[in-house]
Amino acid sequence: MRFVTFEHRGGRSWGTLSREGEIVDHGAASTFDSLRSAIAGARPDELAELERGAPRIDAGGVRLLPPVPDPSKVLCVGYNYPDNRSLRYDAPAGDAHVLPDHPVVFSRFNDTLVGDGEGLRVPRRSSNFDFEGELAIVVGAGGSDIPVDDALDHVFGYSVFNDATVRDYGSSANHFTAGKTFPSSAAFGPAVVTPDEVGDISDLVLRTRLNGAVVQEARLGDLIFGVAEVIAYCSQWARLQPGDVIATGTPGGVGASRRPPVWMLPGDVCEVEIDQIGLLTNPVTDEMAHEHEFLVG
């Protein structure tokens, strides 16, 4: 199943994408007011039952939001592909490619997230706005101290994430947060896809395109710490909750690693695509233009 959260005719709801390209409005047919509450309160088979009798909406008439717009936590993993170790700012000189003993994890705020089709916003304070295509995990059953062998049982589904970074505010390992929390600086969506539709994620390929040109490409099997290891590690020090989002890290090819650097600029279009999971497309906009539209509107 492919779960989405959307706005339609001034209201917010959640549901699934049908094979016919319609949205099945689960929110109108259940007592759960959000996908997050549904993940916490219902089994997957119960969610599937909600499709019976639920109204259907033309997907072209809705605005997609992040699939889980209100996670209690957005955790992000850094330096999790071998070919992206060159940006490990905390490594001793000459040791940038030494693999870590455990995942490097930082956090985002959920109000930094936009959905598919929404603008990623270049902040007025910087033009060094970098793309980072990633696989996102959405937590199903929560918990603490989850064993690695049990961790995949805690996955509700997978999604696509663009963990974009304002590089001149996130240029060291001790300064991740500032570069990751500008408004509308990350994209998440378009849907959360349940594991039964994804299969073995290690064989899937992630691609990031900027204005149609491929700038990142990697197999998910190349992750240094896989999904189970990331969940288990995060649960050692954070109580994971249903609907929490964990972005698993970006492969090599980011703009900061290129000479000259390549940044996302207003007017660009950035796409992140993962086989079997989806295509996340976002125009790049300007914060000043957004503020002008807000004031005029």
C-alpha atoms as a PDB file:
ATOM      1  CA  MET A   1       0.000   0.000   0.000  1.00  0.00           C
ATOM      2  CA  ARG A   2       1.063   3.560  -0.695  1.00  0.00           C
ATOM      3  CA  PHE A   3      -0.045   5.961   2.016  1.00  0.00           C
ATOM      4  CA  VAL A   4      -0.310   9.722   1.508  1.00  0.00           C
ATOM      5  CA  THR A   5      -1.438  12.817   3.364  1.00  0.00           C
ATOM      6  CA  PHE A   6      -3.132  15.490   1.297  1.00  0.00           C
ATOM      7  CA  GLU A   7      -5.187  18.676   1.195  1.00  0.00           C
ATOM      8  CA  HIS A   8      -8.435  18.717  -0.764  1.00  0.00           C
ATOM      9  CA  ARG A   9     -11.017  21.486  -0.890  1.00  0.00           C
ATOM     10  CA  GLY A  10      -9.511  23.243   2.099  1.00  0.00           C
ATOM     11  CA  GLY A  11      -9.338  20.175   4.324  1.00  0.00           C
ATOM     12  CA  ARG A  12      -6.581  17.749   5.257  1.00  0.00           C
ATOM     13  CA  SER A  13      -6.923  13.980   5.126  1.00  0.00           C
ATOM     14  CA  TRP A  14      -4.925  10.823   4.541  1.00  0.00           C
ATOM     15  CA  GLY A  15      -5.332   7.731   2.447  1.00  0.00           C
ATOM     16  CA  THR A  16      -3.758   5.509  -0.173  1.00  0.00           C
ATOM     17  CA  LEU A  17      -2.898   5.785  -3.846  1.00  0.00           C
ATOM     18  CA  SER A  18      -4.879   3.291  -5.912  1.00  0.00           C
ATOM     19  CA  ARG A  19      -3.547   1.476  -8.962  1.00  0.00           C
ATOM     20  CA  GLU A  20      -5.983   3.543 -11.024  1.00  0.00           C
ATOM     21  CA  GLY A  21      -4.288   6.769  -9.939  1.00  0.00           C
ATOM     22  CA  GLU A  22      -6.970   7.836  -7.492  1.00  0.00           C
ATOM     23  CA  ILE A  23      -6.611   8.668  -3.822  1.00  0.00           C
ATOM     24  CA  VAL A  24      -8.682   6.527  -1.481  1.00  0.00           C
ATOM     25  CA  ASP A  25      -9.697   8.858   1.355  1.00  0.00           C
ATOM     26  CA  HIS A  26      -9.179   6.706   4.446  1.00  0.00           C
ATOM     27  CA  GLY A  27      -9.534   9.718   6.691  1.00  0.00           C
ATOM     28  CA  ALA A  28     -13.154  10.115   5.634  1.00  0.00           C
ATOM     29  CA  ALA A  29     -13.887   6.475   6.454  1.00  0.00           C
ATOM     30  CA  SER A  30     -12.166   6.069   9.823  1.00  0.00           C
ATOM     31  CA  THR A  31     -11.843   7.561  13.275  1.00  0.00           C
ATOM     32  CA  PHE A  32      -8.130   8.211  12.743  1.00  0.00           C
ATOM     33  CA  ASP A  33      -7.575  11.876  11.945  1.00  0.00           C
ATOM     34  CA  SER A  34      -4.046  11.447  10.567  1.00  0.00           C
ATOM     35  CA  LEU A  35      -1.752   8.826   9.128  1.00  0.00           C
ATOM     36  CA  ARG A  36       0.400   9.080  12.226  1.00  0.00           C
ATOM     37  CA  SER A  37      -2.540   8.208  14.481  1.00  0.00           C
ATOM     38  CA  ALA A  38      -3.514   5.372  12.146  1.00  0.00           C
ATOM     39  CA  ILE A  39       0.000   3.911  12.272  1.00  0.00           C
ATOM     40  CA  ALA A  40      -0.155   4.035  16.066  1.00  0.00           C
ATOM     41  CA  GLY A  41      -3.675   2.661  16.405  1.00  0.00           C
ATOM     42  CA  ALA A  42      -4.278   0.079  13.691  1.00  0.00           C
ATOM     43  CA  ARG A  43      -2.658  -2.992  12.180  1.00  0.00           C
ATOM     44  CA  PRO A  44      -1.793  -2.917   8.463  1.00  0.00           C
ATOM     45  CA  ASP A  45      -4.606  -5.360   7.685  1.00  0.00           C
ATOM     46  CA  GLU A  46      -7.056  -3.079   9.486  1.00  0.00           C
ATOM     47  CA  LEU A  47      -5.850  -0.132   7.413  1.00  0.00           C
ATOM     48  CA  ALA A  48      -6.399  -2.166   4.257  1.00  0.00           C
ATOM     49  CA  GLU A  49      -9.990  -2.822   5.317  1.00  0.00           C
ATOM     50  CA  LEU A  50     -10.645   0.923   5.402  1.00  0.00           C
ATOM     51  CA  GLU A  51     -10.505   1.013   1.596  1.00  0.00           C
ATOM     52  CA  ARG A  52     -13.913  -0.614   1.466  1.00  0.00           C
ATOM     53  CA  GLY A  53     -16.476   2.123   1.123  1.00  0.00           C
ATOM     54  CA  ALA A  54     -13.961   4.969   1.385  1.00  0.00           C
ATOM     55  CA  PRO A  55     -14.520   7.802  -1.107  1.00  0.00           C
ATOM     56  CA  ARG A  56     -12.121   8.151  -4.024  1.00  0.00           C
ATOM     57  CA  ILE A  57     -10.624  11.428  -5.198  1.00  0.00           C
ATOM     58  CA  ASP A  58      -8.891  12.351  -8.438  1.00  0.00           C
ATOM     59  CA  ALA A  59      -5.214  12.643  -7.483  1.00  0.00           C
ATOM     60  CA  GLY A  60      -4.874  15.616  -9.809  1.00  0.00           C
ATOM     61  CA  GLY A  61      -7.149  17.664  -7.603  1.00  0.00           C
ATOM     62  CA  VAL A  62      -5.190  17.398  -4.366  1.00  0.00           C
ATOM     63  CA  ARG A  63      -2.073  18.931  -2.850  1.00  0.00           C
ATOM     64  CA  LEU A  64       0.260  16.284  -1.465  1.00  0.00           C
ATOM     65  CA  LEU A  65       1.812  16.987   1.923  1.00  0.00           C
ATOM     66  CA  PRO A  66       4.655  15.085   3.564  1.00  0.00           C
ATOM     67  CA  PRO A  67       3.141  11.623   4.117  1.00  0.00           C
ATOM     68  CA  VAL A  68       3.597  12.015   7.874  1.00  0.00           C
ATOM     69  CA  PRO A  69       3.515  15.802   8.364  1.00  0.00           C
ATOM     70  CA  ASP A  70       3.755  15.652  12.158  1.00  0.00           C
ATOM     71  CA  PRO A  71       6.301  13.023  13.229  1.00  0.00           C
ATOM     72  CA  SER A  72       7.446  13.289  16.822  1.00  0.00           C
ATOM     73  CA  LYS A  73      11.006  12.905  15.564  1.00  0.00           C
ATOM     74  CA  VAL A  74      12.877  13.337  12.298  1.00  0.00           C
ATOM     75  CA  LEU A  75      16.249  11.646  12.662  1.00  0.00           C
ATOM     76  CA  CYS A  76      18.870  11.826   9.925  1.00  0.00           C
ATOM     77  CA  VAL A  77      21.968   9.725   9.368  1.00  0.00           C
ATOM     78  CA  GLY A  78      25.167  11.228   7.995  1.00  0.00           C
ATOM     79  CA  TYR A  79      28.169   9.678   6.236  1.00  0.00           C
ATOM     80  CA  ASN A  80      26.356   6.408   5.540  1.00  0.00           C
ATOM     81  CA  TYR A  81      27.686   5.613   2.051  1.00  0.00           C
ATOM     82  CA  PRO A  82      31.360   4.796   1.414  1.00  0.00           C
ATOM     83  CA  ASP A  83      31.577   7.285  -1.455  1.00  0.00           C
ATOM     84  CA  ASN A  84      30.301  10.185   0.666  1.00  0.00           C
ATOM     85  CA  ARG A  85      32.964   9.986   3.375  1.00  0.00           C
ATOM     86  CA  SER A  86      34.915  12.876   1.825  1.00  0.00           C
ATOM     87  CA  LEU A  87      32.533  15.269   3.593  1.00  0.00           C
ATOM     88  CA  ARG A  88      33.315  13.864   7.018  1.00  0.00           C
ATOM     89  CA  TYR A  89      34.441  17.131   8.562  1.00  0.00           C
ATOM     90  CA  ASP A  90      35.283  15.632  11.961  1.00  0.00           C
ATOM     91  CA  ALA A  91      37.733  13.027  10.609  1.00  0.00           C
ATOM     92  CA  PRO A  92      41.444  13.388  11.393  1.00  0.00           C
ATOM     93  CA  ALA A  93      43.574  14.605   8.520  1.00  0.00           C
ATOM     94  CA  GLY A  94      43.962  11.858   5.946  1.00  0.00           C
ATOM     95  CA  ASP A  95      41.302   9.652   7.555  1.00  0.00           C
ATOM     96  CA  ALA A  96      38.166  10.985   5.860  1.00  0.00           C
ATOM     97  CA  HIS A  97      37.296   7.532   4.518  1.00  0.00           C
ATOM     98  CA  VAL A  98      37.607   5.650   7.826  1.00  0.00           C
ATOM     99  CA  LEU A  99      34.278   3.967   8.503  1.00  0.00           C
ATOM    100  CA  PRO A 100      32.492   4.945  11.731  1.00  0.00           C
ATOM    101  CA  ASP A 101      31.824   2.540  14.598  1.00  0.00           C
ATOM    102  CA  HIS A 102      28.168   3.536  14.695  1.00  0.00           C
ATOM    103  CA  PRO A 103      25.797   5.731  12.679  1.00  0.00           C
ATOM    104  CA  VAL A 104      26.248   9.498  12.861  1.00  0.00           C
ATOM    105  CA  VAL A 105      22.781  10.849  13.673  1.00  0.00           C
ATOM    106  CA  PHE A 106      21.344  14.357  13.919  1.00  0.00           C
ATOM    107  CA  SER A 107      17.812  15.705  13.917  1.00  0.00           C
ATOM    108  CA  ARG A 108      15.524  17.941  11.902  1.00  0.00           C
ATOM    109  CA  PHE A 109      12.353  19.772  12.869  1.00  0.00           C
ATOM    110  CA  ASN A 110       9.177  18.559  11.217  1.00  0.00           C
ATOM    111  CA  ASP A 111       8.278  22.089  10.089  1.00  0.00           C
ATOM    112  CA  THR A 112      11.253  22.041   7.709  1.00  0.00           C
ATOM    113  CA  LEU A 113       9.519  19.404   5.549  1.00  0.00           C
ATOM    114  CA  VAL A 114       7.594  19.953   2.319  1.00  0.00           C
ATOM    115  CA  GLY A 115       5.745  17.410   0.203  1.00  0.00           C
ATOM    116  CA  ASP A 116       6.028  16.337  -3.398  1.00  0.00           C
ATOM    117  CA  GLY A 117       5.622  19.255  -5.795  1.00  0.00           C
ATOM    118  CA  GLU A 118       6.200  21.910  -3.135  1.00  0.00           C
ATOM    119  CA  GLY A 119       9.090  24.366  -3.299  1.00  0.00           C
ATOM    120  CA  LEU A 120      12.418  23.773  -1.618  1.00  0.00           C
ATOM    121  CA  ARG A 121      13.332  27.254  -0.457  1.00  0.00           C
ATOM    122  CA  VAL A 122      16.775  28.825  -0.850  1.00  0.00           C
ATOM    123  CA  PRO A 123      17.220  30.906   2.322  1.00  0.00           C
ATOM    124  CA  ARG A 124      18.053  34.567   2.050  1.00  0.00           C
ATOM    125  CA  ARG A 125      21.125  34.064   4.230  1.00  0.00           C
ATOM    126  CA  SER A 126      22.833  31.620   1.892  1.00  0.00           C
ATOM    127  CA  SER A 127      23.083  30.458  -1.695  1.00  0.00           C
ATOM    128  CA  ASN A 128      24.950  27.247  -0.791  1.00  0.00           C
ATOM    129  CA  PHE A 129      21.858  25.017  -0.879  1.00  0.00           C
ATOM    130  CA  ASP A 130      22.802  21.389  -1.526  1.00  0.00           C
ATOM    131  CA  PHE A 131      20.775  18.335  -2.588  1.00  0.00           C
ATOM    132  CA  GLU A 132      20.874  15.045  -0.646  1.00  0.00           C
ATOM    133  CA  GLY A 133      18.722  12.210  -1.974  1.00  0.00           C
ATOM    134  CA  GLU A 134      17.949   9.571   0.647  1.00  0.00           C
ATOM    135  CA  LEU A 135      15.804   6.610   1.650  1.00  0.00           C
ATOM    136  CA  ALA A 136      13.462   7.394   4.538  1.00  0.00           C
ATOM    137  CA  ILE A 137      12.151   4.874   7.061  1.00  0.00           C
ATOM    138  CA  VAL A 138       8.761   5.466   8.687  1.00  0.00           C
ATOM    139  CA  VAL A 139       8.516   3.714  12.038  1.00  0.00           C
ATOM    140  CA  GLY A 140       5.515   1.490  12.725  1.00  0.00           C
ATOM    141  CA  ALA A 141       5.723  -0.115  16.153  1.00  0.00           C
ATOM    142  CA  GLY A 142       7.737   2.070  18.486  1.00  0.00           C
ATOM    143  CA  GLY A 143      10.142   0.976  21.167  1.00  0.00           C
ATOM    144  CA  SER A 144      13.492   1.295  22.883  1.00  0.00           C
ATOM    145  CA  ASP A 145      16.574  -0.929  22.744  1.00  0.00           C
ATOM    146  CA  ILE A 146      15.270  -2.774  19.697  1.00  0.00           C
ATOM    147  CA  PRO A 147      17.505  -5.723  18.724  1.00  0.00           C
ATOM    148  CA  VAL A 148      18.908  -5.645  15.205  1.00  0.00           C
ATOM    149  CA  ASP A 149      17.248  -8.977  14.444  1.00  0.00           C
ATOM    150  CA  ASP A 150      13.818  -7.524  15.311  1.00  0.00           C
ATOM    151  CA  ALA A 151      14.273  -4.058  13.832  1.00  0.00           C
ATOM    152  CA  LEU A 152      12.602  -4.654  10.461  1.00  0.00           C
ATOM    153  CA  ASP A 153       9.416  -5.595  12.321  1.00  0.00           C
ATOM    154  CA  HIS A 154       9.291  -1.949  13.420  1.00  0.00           C
ATOM    155  CA  VAL A 155       9.175  -0.578   9.854  1.00  0.00           C
ATOM    156  CA  PHE A 156       5.788   0.718   8.722  1.00  0.00           C
ATOM    157  CA  GLY A 157       7.106   1.703   5.321  1.00  0.00           C
ATOM    158  CA  TYR A 158       9.662   3.480   3.174  1.00  0.00           C
ATOM    159  CA  SER A 159       9.653   6.822   1.409  1.00  0.00           C
ATOM    160  CA  VAL A 160      11.892   9.213  -0.516  1.00  0.00           C
ATOM    161  CA  PHE A 161      13.668  12.097   1.211  1.00  0.00           C
ATOM    162  CA  ASN A 162      15.712  15.091   0.071  1.00  0.00           C
ATOM    163  CA  ASP A 163      17.712  16.051   3.151  1.00  0.00           C
ATOM    164  CA  ALA A 164      18.921  19.299   1.612  1.00  0.00           C
ATOM    165  CA  THR A 165      21.619  21.221   3.451  1.00  0.00           C
ATOM    166  CA  VAL A 166      22.482  24.893   3.738  1.00  0.00           C
ATOM    167  CA  ARG A 167      26.204  24.196   3.605  1.00  0.00           C
ATOM    168  CA  ASP A 168      27.592  27.380   5.096  1.00  0.00           C
ATOM    169  CA  TYR A 169      25.442  26.729   8.191  1.00  0.00           C
ATOM    170  CA  GLY A 170      26.240  23.007   8.332  1.00  0.00           C
ATOM    171  CA  SER A 171      29.930  22.812   7.561  1.00  0.00           C
ATOM    172  CA  SER A 172      31.065  20.791  10.560  1.00  0.00           C
ATOM    173  CA  ALA A 173      29.951  17.723  12.461  1.00  0.00           C
ATOM    174  CA  ASN A 174      29.130  19.923  15.454  1.00  0.00           C
ATOM    175  CA  HIS A 175      26.944  22.209  13.381  1.00  0.00           C
ATOM    176  CA  PHE A 176      24.573  19.918  11.478  1.00  0.00           C
ATOM    177  CA  THR A 177      21.402  21.264  13.062  1.00  0.00           C
ATOM    178  CA  ALA A 178      21.697  24.841  11.826  1.00  0.00           C
ATOM    179  CA  GLY A 179      22.199  23.741   8.231  1.00  0.00           C
ATOM    180  CA  LYS A 180      19.195  21.422   8.359  1.00  0.00           C
ATOM    181  CA  THR A 181      16.460  23.511   9.960  1.00  0.00           C
ATOM    182  CA  PHE A 182      15.721  26.398   7.607  1.00  0.00           C
ATOM    183  CA  PRO A 183      12.021  26.550   6.634  1.00  0.00           C
ATOM    184  CA  SER A 184      11.028  24.368   3.674  1.00  0.00           C
ATOM    185  CA  SER A 185      14.559  23.011   3.376  1.00  0.00           C
ATOM    186  CA  ALA A 186      13.775  19.290   3.014  1.00  0.00           C
ATOM    187  CA  ALA A 187      11.309  17.258   0.977  1.00  0.00           C
ATOM    188  CA  PHE A 188       9.570  14.004   1.924  1.00  0.00           C
ATOM    189  CA  GLY A 189       7.196  11.885  -0.149  1.00  0.00           C
ATOM    190  CA  PRO A 190       5.214  11.444  -2.214  1.00  0.00           C
ATOM    191  CA  ALA A 191       4.032   8.327  -0.332  1.00  0.00           C
ATOM    192  CA  VAL A 192       4.987   5.851   2.359  1.00  0.00           C
ATOM    193  CA  VAL A 193       5.186   2.425   0.732  1.00  0.00           C
ATOM    194  CA  THR A 194       4.689  -0.676   2.853  1.00  0.00           C
ATOM    195  CA  PRO A 195       7.497  -3.261   2.842  1.00  0.00           C
ATOM    196  CA  ASP A 196       5.418  -5.898   1.053  1.00  0.00           C
ATOM    197  CA  GLU A 197       5.388  -3.682  -2.056  1.00  0.00           C
ATOM    198  CA  VAL A 198       9.092  -2.866  -1.891  1.00  0.00           C
ATOM    199  CA  GLY A 199      10.772  -6.239  -1.486  1.00  0.00           C
ATOM    200  CA  ASP A 200      14.507  -6.450  -0.848  1.00  0.00           C
ATOM    201  CA  ILE A 201      15.616  -2.834  -0.604  1.00  0.00           C
ATOM    202  CA  SER A 202      19.291  -3.700  -1.048  1.00  0.00           C
ATOM    203  CA  ASP A 203      18.697  -4.183  -4.767  1.00  0.00           C
ATOM    204  CA  LEU A 204      16.961  -0.830  -5.245  1.00  0.00           C
ATOM    205  CA  VAL A 205      18.702   2.143  -6.847  1.00  0.00           C
ATOM    206  CA  LEU A 206      18.475   5.745  -5.643  1.00  0.00           C
ATOM    207  CA  ARG A 207      18.986   8.550  -8.155  1.00  0.00           C
ATOM    208  CA  THR A 208      19.027  12.302  -7.651  1.00  0.00           C
ATOM    209  CA  ARG A 209      18.576  14.552 -10.687  1.00  0.00           C
ATOM    210  CA  LEU A 210      19.091  18.298 -10.868  1.00  0.00           C
ATOM    211  CA  ASN A 211      17.386  19.828 -13.897  1.00  0.00           C
ATOM    212  CA  GLY A 212      17.238  16.372 -15.464  1.00  0.00           C
ATOM    213  CA  ALA A 213      20.926  15.508 -15.028  1.00  0.00           C
ATOM    214  CA  VAL A 214      21.790  12.606 -12.714  1.00  0.00           C
ATOM    215  CA  VAL A 215      23.956  13.929  -9.870  1.00  0.00           C
ATOM    216  CA  GLN A 216      23.719  10.995  -7.439  1.00  0.00           C
ATOM    217  CA  GLU A 217      23.234   7.280  -8.029  1.00  0.00           C
ATOM    218  CA  ALA A 218      23.696   4.387  -5.598  1.00  0.00           C
ATOM    219  CA  ARG A 219      22.314   1.014  -4.590  1.00  0.00           C
ATOM    220  CA  LEU A 220      20.629   0.977  -1.202  1.00  0.00           C
ATOM    221  CA  GLY A 221      22.671  -2.127  -0.511  1.00  0.00           C
ATOM    222  CA  ASP A 222      25.713   0.168  -0.355  1.00  0.00           C
ATOM    223  CA  LEU A 223      24.556   1.722   2.926  1.00  0.00           C
ATOM    224  CA  ILE A 224      27.265   1.320   5.563  1.00  0.00           C
ATOM    225  CA  PHE A 225      24.599   0.853   8.233  1.00  0.00           C
ATOM    226  CA  GLY A 226      21.458  -0.756   6.865  1.00  0.00           C
ATOM    227  CA  VAL A 227      17.871  -0.150   7.896  1.00  0.00           C
ATOM    228  CA  ALA A 228      17.898  -2.645  10.765  1.00  0.00           C
ATOM    229  CA  GLU A 229      21.175  -1.345  12.183  1.00  0.00           C
ATOM    230  CA  VAL A 230      20.019   2.277  12.003  1.00  0.00           C
ATOM    231  CA  ILE A 231      16.741   1.532  13.784  1.00  0.00           C
ATOM    232  CA  ALA A 232      18.469  -0.513  16.474  1.00  0.00           C
ATOM    233  CA  TYR A 233      21.085   2.178  17.101  1.00  0.00           C
ATOM    234  CA  CYS A 234      18.599   5.053  17.266  1.00  0.00           C
ATOM    235  CA  SER A 235      16.413   3.087  19.678  1.00  0.00           C
ATOM    236  CA  GLN A 236      19.340   2.771  22.094  1.00  0.00           C
ATOM    237  CA  TRP A 237      19.055   6.447  23.015  1.00  0.00           C
ATOM    238  CA  ALA A 238      15.645   7.589  21.706  1.00  0.00           C
ATOM    239  CA  ARG A 239      12.242   6.041  22.301  1.00  0.00           C
ATOM    240  CA  LEU A 240      10.970   5.556  18.765  1.00  0.00           C
ATOM    241  CA  GLN A 241       7.311   6.403  18.229  1.00  0.00           C
ATOM    242  CA  PRO A 242       4.887   5.335  15.486  1.00  0.00           C
ATOM    243  CA  GLY A 243       5.275   7.695  12.545  1.00  0.00           C
ATOM    244  CA  ASP A 244       8.819   8.772  13.365  1.00  0.00           C
ATOM    245  CA  VAL A 245      10.950   9.384  10.278  1.00  0.00           C
ATOM    246  CA  ILE A 246      14.562   8.269   9.872  1.00  0.00           C
ATOM    247  CA  ALA A 247      16.483   9.456   6.796  1.00  0.00           C
ATOM    248  CA  THR A 248      19.259   6.957   6.174  1.00  0.00           C
ATOM    249  CA  GLY A 249      21.956   9.112   4.572  1.00  0.00           C
ATOM    250  CA  THR A 250      22.968  10.336   1.145  1.00  0.00           C
ATOM    251  CA  PRO A 251      25.442   8.844  -1.355  1.00  0.00           C
ATOM    252  CA  GLY A 252      28.333  10.621  -3.024  1.00  0.00           C
ATOM    253  CA  GLY A 253      27.865  13.287  -5.652  1.00  0.00           C
ATOM    254  CA  VAL A 254      26.487  16.063  -3.459  1.00  0.00           C
ATOM    255  CA  GLY A 255      27.074  19.577  -4.715  1.00  0.00           C
ATOM    256  CA  ALA A 256      29.631  20.460  -2.052  1.00  0.00           C
ATOM    257  CA  SER A 257      31.935  17.661  -3.229  1.00  0.00           C
ATOM    258  CA  ARG A 258      32.127  18.974  -6.795  1.00  0.00           C
ATOM    259  CA  ARG A 259      34.660  21.421  -8.241  1.00  0.00           C
ATOM    260  CA  PRO A 260      33.278  23.944  -8.680  1.00  0.00           C
ATOM    261  CA  PRO A 261      30.458  23.290  -6.202  1.00  0.00           C
ATOM    262  CA  VAL A 262      26.963  22.806  -7.615  1.00  0.00           C
ATOM    263  CA  TRP A 263      24.117  24.333  -5.615  1.00  0.00           C
ATOM    264  CA  MET A 264      20.356  24.296  -6.047  1.00  0.00           C
ATOM    265  CA  LEU A 265      19.202  27.699  -7.291  1.00  0.00           C
ATOM    266  CA  PRO A 266      15.779  29.316  -7.689  1.00  0.00           C
ATOM    267  CA  GLY A 267      14.195  28.001 -10.864  1.00  0.00           C
ATOM    268  CA  ASP A 268      15.889  24.592 -10.634  1.00  0.00           C
ATOM    269  CA  VAL A 269      13.995  21.319 -10.266  1.00  0.00           C
ATOM    270  CA  CYS A 270      15.373  18.574  -8.039  1.00  0.00           C
ATOM    271  CA  GLU A 271      14.147  14.979  -8.297  1.00  0.00           C
ATOM    272  CA  VAL A 272      14.950  12.042  -6.050  1.00  0.00           C
ATOM    273  CA  GLU A 273      13.797   8.629  -7.235  1.00  0.00           C
ATOM    274  CA  ILE A 274      14.062   5.193  -5.639  1.00  0.00           C
ATOM    275  CA  ASP A 275      13.017   2.060  -7.498  1.00  0.00           C
ATOM    276  CA  GLN A 276       9.692   0.621  -6.272  1.00  0.00           C
ATOM    277  CA  ILE A 277       9.236   3.472  -3.777  1.00  0.00           C
ATOM    278  CA  GLY A 278       8.622   6.602  -5.787  1.00  0.00           C
ATOM    279  CA  LEU A 279       9.695   9.830  -7.436  1.00  0.00           C
ATOM    280  CA  LEU A 280       9.936  12.993  -5.324  1.00  0.00           C
ATOM    281  CA  THR A 281       9.966  16.178  -7.419  1.00  0.00           C
ATOM    282  CA  ASN A 282      10.432  19.684  -6.053  1.00  0.00           C
ATOM    283  CA  PRO A 283      10.987  23.058  -7.690  1.00  0.00           C
ATOM    284  CA  VAL A 284      13.570  25.257  -6.023  1.00  0.00           C
ATOM    285  CA  THR A 285      12.229  28.624  -4.933  1.00  0.00           C
ATOM    286  CA  ASP A 286      13.501  31.768  -3.280  1.00  0.00           C
ATOM    287  CA  GLU A 287      12.712  32.710   0.316  1.00  0.00           C
ATOM    288  CA  MET A 288      12.339  36.375  -0.583  1.00  0.00           C
ATOM    289  CA  ALA A 289       9.858  35.563  -3.350  1.00  0.00           C
ATOM    290  CA  HIS A 290       7.894  33.382  -0.922  1.00  0.00           C
ATOM    291  CA  GLU A 291       7.689  36.204   1.614  1.00  0.00           C
ATOM    292  CA  HIS A 292       6.519  38.593  -1.115  1.00  0.00           C
ATOM    293  CA  GLU A 293       3.759  36.172  -2.145  1.00  0.00           C
ATOM    294  CA  PHE A 294       2.726  35.791   1.504  1.00  0.00           C
ATOM    295  CA  LEU A 295       2.508  39.523   2.059  1.00  0.00           C
ATOM    296  CA  VAL A 296       0.647  40.169  -1.187  1.00  0.00           C
ATOM    297  CA  GLY A 297      -1.682  37.202  -0.685  1.00  0.00           C
END
